[in-house]
Amino acid sequence: MAHSFTYIAGEITVTGVLDVKEFGETEILAALEGESLLMKGSGFKILSVDLKENRLTATGKLSSLQYGGGVGSFWKKFFK
């Protein structure tokens, strides 16, 4: 499944999202097919998660994006 990412005027939209594994004011970790997407920033608020449409919408100030293997492999690397 392909995915897309847009960030316009503080609104983040990600398609191809299978699940949201972790979220908070400074990080959102989304599971995509075969990989994960870690968004870092500040003031994050999730507006909607539609797993039928595979879409995540959030607001906040984005400072970085990081793609990883699977969600599990991201956390293994993180804690090494």
N, C-alpha and C. Protein backbone atom coordinates (compact mmCIF):
# COMPACT_ATOMS: atom_id res chain seq x y z
N MET A 1 0.84 -1.17 0.00
CA MET A 1 0.00 0.00 0.00
C MET A 1 0.89 1.24 0.00
N ALA A 2 0.67 2.12 -0.92
CA ALA A 2 1.42 3.36 -0.99
C ALA A 2 0.92 4.32 0.08
N HIS A 3 1.75 5.28 0.43
CA HIS A 3 1.32 6.28 1.39
C HIS A 3 1.73 7.66 0.89
N SER A 4 1.12 8.68 1.48
CA SER A 4 1.49 10.06 1.16
C SER A 4 1.56 10.85 2.45
N PHE A 5 2.26 11.97 2.39
CA PHE A 5 2.43 12.85 3.54
C PHE A 5 2.31 14.28 3.06
N THR A 6 1.48 15.07 3.75
CA THR A 6 1.42 16.51 3.47
C THR A 6 1.46 17.27 4.79
N TYR A 7 2.07 18.45 4.72
CA TYR A 7 2.17 19.34 5.88
C TYR A 7 1.94 20.74 5.36
N ILE A 8 0.73 21.26 5.60
CA ILE A 8 0.36 22.57 5.08
C ILE A 8 -0.23 23.39 6.22
N ALA A 9 0.37 24.53 6.49
CA ALA A 9 -0.12 25.48 7.50
C ALA A 9 -0.40 24.80 8.84
N GLY A 10 0.52 23.93 9.26
CA GLY A 10 0.40 23.28 10.55
C GLY A 10 -0.50 22.06 10.58
N GLU A 11 -1.08 21.67 9.44
CA GLU A 11 -1.92 20.47 9.40
C GLU A 11 -1.17 19.35 8.69
N ILE A 12 -1.11 18.21 9.36
CA ILE A 12 -0.41 17.03 8.86
C ILE A 12 -1.44 16.01 8.42
N THR A 13 -1.26 15.48 7.21
CA THR A 13 -2.12 14.40 6.72
C THR A 13 -1.23 13.29 6.19
N VAL A 14 -1.46 12.09 6.68
CA VAL A 14 -0.70 10.92 6.23
C VAL A 14 -1.71 9.87 5.78
N THR A 15 -1.54 9.35 4.57
CA THR A 15 -2.37 8.25 4.09
C THR A 15 -1.52 6.98 4.10
N GLY A 16 -2.19 5.84 4.03
CA GLY A 16 -1.49 4.56 4.08
C GLY A 16 -1.20 4.12 5.50
N VAL A 17 -1.84 4.75 6.49
CA VAL A 17 -1.61 4.44 7.90
C VAL A 17 -2.40 3.20 8.30
N LEU A 18 -1.71 2.20 8.85
CA LEU A 18 -2.36 0.98 9.33
C LEU A 18 -2.74 1.07 10.80
N ASP A 19 -1.95 1.85 11.57
CA ASP A 19 -2.21 1.99 13.01
C ASP A 19 -1.39 3.16 13.54
N VAL A 20 -1.81 3.71 14.66
CA VAL A 20 -1.03 4.71 15.37
C VAL A 20 -0.55 4.03 16.64
N LYS A 21 0.76 3.82 16.74
CA LYS A 21 1.33 3.05 17.84
C LYS A 21 1.59 3.89 19.08
N GLU A 22 2.04 5.12 18.91
CA GLU A 22 2.35 6.01 20.02
C GLU A 22 2.01 7.43 19.59
N PHE A 23 1.55 8.23 20.53
CA PHE A 23 1.35 9.63 20.23
C PHE A 23 1.41 10.47 21.50
N GLY A 24 1.79 11.70 21.32
CA GLY A 24 1.88 12.65 22.41
C GLY A 24 2.07 14.03 21.82
N GLU A 25 2.32 15.02 22.67
CA GLU A 25 2.48 16.39 22.19
C GLU A 25 3.73 16.60 21.35
N THR A 26 4.73 15.69 21.49
CA THR A 26 5.98 15.90 20.77
C THR A 26 6.32 14.81 19.76
N GLU A 27 5.58 13.69 19.76
CA GLU A 27 5.87 12.59 18.82
C GLU A 27 4.60 11.86 18.43
N ILE A 28 4.58 11.41 17.18
CA ILE A 28 3.54 10.51 16.69
C ILE A 28 4.25 9.39 15.95
N LEU A 29 3.97 8.15 16.31
CA LEU A 29 4.55 6.98 15.63
C LEU A 29 3.42 6.24 14.93
N ALA A 30 3.47 6.23 13.60
CA ALA A 30 2.45 5.59 12.79
C ALA A 30 3.02 4.36 12.09
N ALA A 31 2.23 3.29 12.07
CA ALA A 31 2.62 2.07 11.36
C ALA A 31 2.10 2.16 9.93
N LEU A 32 3.01 2.01 8.99
CA LEU A 32 2.67 1.94 7.57
C LEU A 32 2.94 0.51 7.13
N GLU A 33 2.63 0.18 5.91
CA GLU A 33 2.90 -1.18 5.44
C GLU A 33 4.40 -1.41 5.34
N GLY A 34 4.94 -2.30 6.19
CA GLY A 34 6.35 -2.67 6.13
C GLY A 34 7.32 -1.69 6.75
N GLU A 35 6.84 -0.57 7.27
CA GLU A 35 7.73 0.40 7.90
C GLU A 35 6.95 1.27 8.87
N SER A 36 7.67 2.13 9.54
CA SER A 36 7.05 3.05 10.48
C SER A 36 7.42 4.47 10.11
N LEU A 37 6.62 5.42 10.59
CA LEU A 37 6.88 6.83 10.37
C LEU A 37 6.83 7.52 11.72
N LEU A 38 7.95 8.10 12.14
CA LEU A 38 8.03 8.82 13.40
C LEU A 38 8.07 10.31 13.07
N MET A 39 7.08 11.04 13.57
CA MET A 39 7.01 12.49 13.39
C MET A 39 7.35 13.14 14.72
N LYS A 40 8.27 14.10 14.71
CA LYS A 40 8.67 14.80 15.91
C LYS A 40 8.38 16.28 15.74
N GLY A 41 8.02 16.92 16.84
CA GLY A 41 7.74 18.35 16.79
C GLY A 41 7.18 18.81 18.12
N SER A 42 6.21 19.72 18.08
CA SER A 42 5.61 20.23 19.31
C SER A 42 4.15 20.55 19.07
N GLY A 43 3.38 20.49 20.15
CA GLY A 43 1.96 20.85 20.10
C GLY A 43 1.11 19.94 19.24
N PHE A 44 1.51 18.67 19.08
CA PHE A 44 0.72 17.76 18.25
C PHE A 44 -0.64 17.47 18.88
N LYS A 45 -1.65 17.50 18.06
CA LYS A 45 -3.00 17.07 18.43
C LYS A 45 -3.52 16.24 17.27
N ILE A 46 -3.96 15.03 17.55
CA ILE A 46 -4.54 14.19 16.51
C ILE A 46 -5.99 14.61 16.32
N LEU A 47 -6.34 15.00 15.11
CA LEU A 47 -7.70 15.40 14.80
C LEU A 47 -8.56 14.19 14.44
N SER A 48 -7.98 13.25 13.68
CA SER A 48 -8.73 12.04 13.31
C SER A 48 -7.79 10.94 12.87
N VAL A 49 -8.24 9.71 13.12
CA VAL A 49 -7.57 8.51 12.62
C VAL A 49 -8.69 7.66 12.02
N ASP A 50 -8.62 7.44 10.73
CA ASP A 50 -9.62 6.63 10.04
C ASP A 50 -8.90 5.42 9.46
N LEU A 51 -8.96 4.29 10.16
CA LEU A 51 -8.23 3.11 9.71
C LEU A 51 -8.92 2.41 8.54
N LYS A 52 -10.20 2.70 8.30
CA LYS A 52 -10.86 2.17 7.10
C LYS A 52 -10.34 2.87 5.86
N GLU A 53 -10.07 4.18 5.99
CA GLU A 53 -9.52 4.97 4.88
C GLU A 53 -7.99 5.07 4.96
N ASN A 54 -7.41 4.51 6.03
CA ASN A 54 -5.95 4.53 6.25
C ASN A 54 -5.40 5.95 6.25
N ARG A 55 -6.07 6.84 7.00
CA ARG A 55 -5.69 8.26 7.02
C ARG A 55 -5.56 8.77 8.45
N LEU A 56 -4.50 9.54 8.69
CA LEU A 56 -4.25 10.23 9.96
C LEU A 56 -4.20 11.72 9.68
N THR A 57 -4.91 12.49 10.49
CA THR A 57 -4.86 13.95 10.38
C THR A 57 -4.52 14.50 11.75
N ALA A 58 -3.53 15.40 11.79
CA ALA A 58 -3.09 16.00 13.05
C ALA A 58 -2.69 17.44 12.80
N THR A 59 -2.52 18.19 13.90
CA THR A 59 -2.00 19.54 13.81
C THR A 59 -0.79 19.64 14.73
N GLY A 60 0.03 20.64 14.49
CA GLY A 60 1.19 20.88 15.32
C GLY A 60 2.35 21.40 14.50
N LYS A 61 3.44 21.69 15.18
CA LYS A 61 4.64 22.17 14.51
C LYS A 61 5.58 20.99 14.30
N LEU A 62 5.80 20.64 13.06
CA LEU A 62 6.63 19.50 12.69
C LEU A 62 8.09 19.93 12.58
N SER A 63 8.98 19.16 13.21
CA SER A 63 10.41 19.47 13.10
C SER A 63 11.19 18.38 12.37
N SER A 64 10.70 17.11 12.42
CA SER A 64 11.42 16.06 11.69
C SER A 64 10.52 14.85 11.42
N LEU A 65 10.91 14.12 10.40
CA LEU A 65 10.28 12.85 10.02
C LEU A 65 11.35 11.79 9.98
N GLN A 66 11.02 10.59 10.41
CA GLN A 66 11.98 9.49 10.34
C GLN A 66 11.23 8.23 9.93
N TYR A 67 11.67 7.63 8.84
CA TYR A 67 11.12 6.35 8.40
C TYR A 67 11.99 5.24 8.95
N GLY A 68 11.37 4.13 9.34
CA GLY A 68 12.12 3.00 9.86
C GLY A 68 11.61 1.71 9.27
N GLY A 69 12.22 0.60 9.70
CA GLY A 69 11.78 -0.72 9.27
C GLY A 69 10.37 -0.94 9.75
N GLY A 70 10.11 -1.98 10.49
CA GLY A 70 8.81 -2.14 11.11
C GLY A 70 8.77 -1.35 12.40
N VAL A 71 7.61 -1.24 12.99
CA VAL A 71 7.48 -0.52 14.25
C VAL A 71 8.36 -1.15 15.31
N GLY A 72 8.39 -2.48 15.36
CA GLY A 72 9.23 -3.18 16.33
C GLY A 72 10.70 -2.91 16.11
N SER A 73 11.15 -2.89 14.85
CA SER A 73 12.57 -2.65 14.61
C SER A 73 12.97 -1.23 14.94
N PHE A 74 12.07 -0.27 14.80
CA PHE A 74 12.37 1.09 15.20
C PHE A 74 12.70 1.14 16.69
N TRP A 75 11.86 0.53 17.52
CA TRP A 75 12.07 0.58 18.97
C TRP A 75 13.31 -0.21 19.38
N LYS A 76 13.65 -1.29 18.67
CA LYS A 76 14.89 -2.02 18.98
C LYS A 76 16.09 -1.12 18.76
N LYS A 77 16.10 -0.37 17.65
CA LYS A 77 17.21 0.55 17.37
C LYS A 77 17.22 1.70 18.37
N PHE A 78 16.06 2.18 18.74
CA PHE A 78 15.93 3.31 19.64
C PHE A 78 16.53 3.01 21.01
N PHE A 79 16.31 1.79 21.51
CA PHE A 79 16.78 1.45 22.85
C PHE A 79 18.16 0.85 22.89
N LYS A 80 18.87 0.74 21.77
CA LYS A 80 20.24 0.21 21.77
C LYS A 80 21.21 1.21 22.33
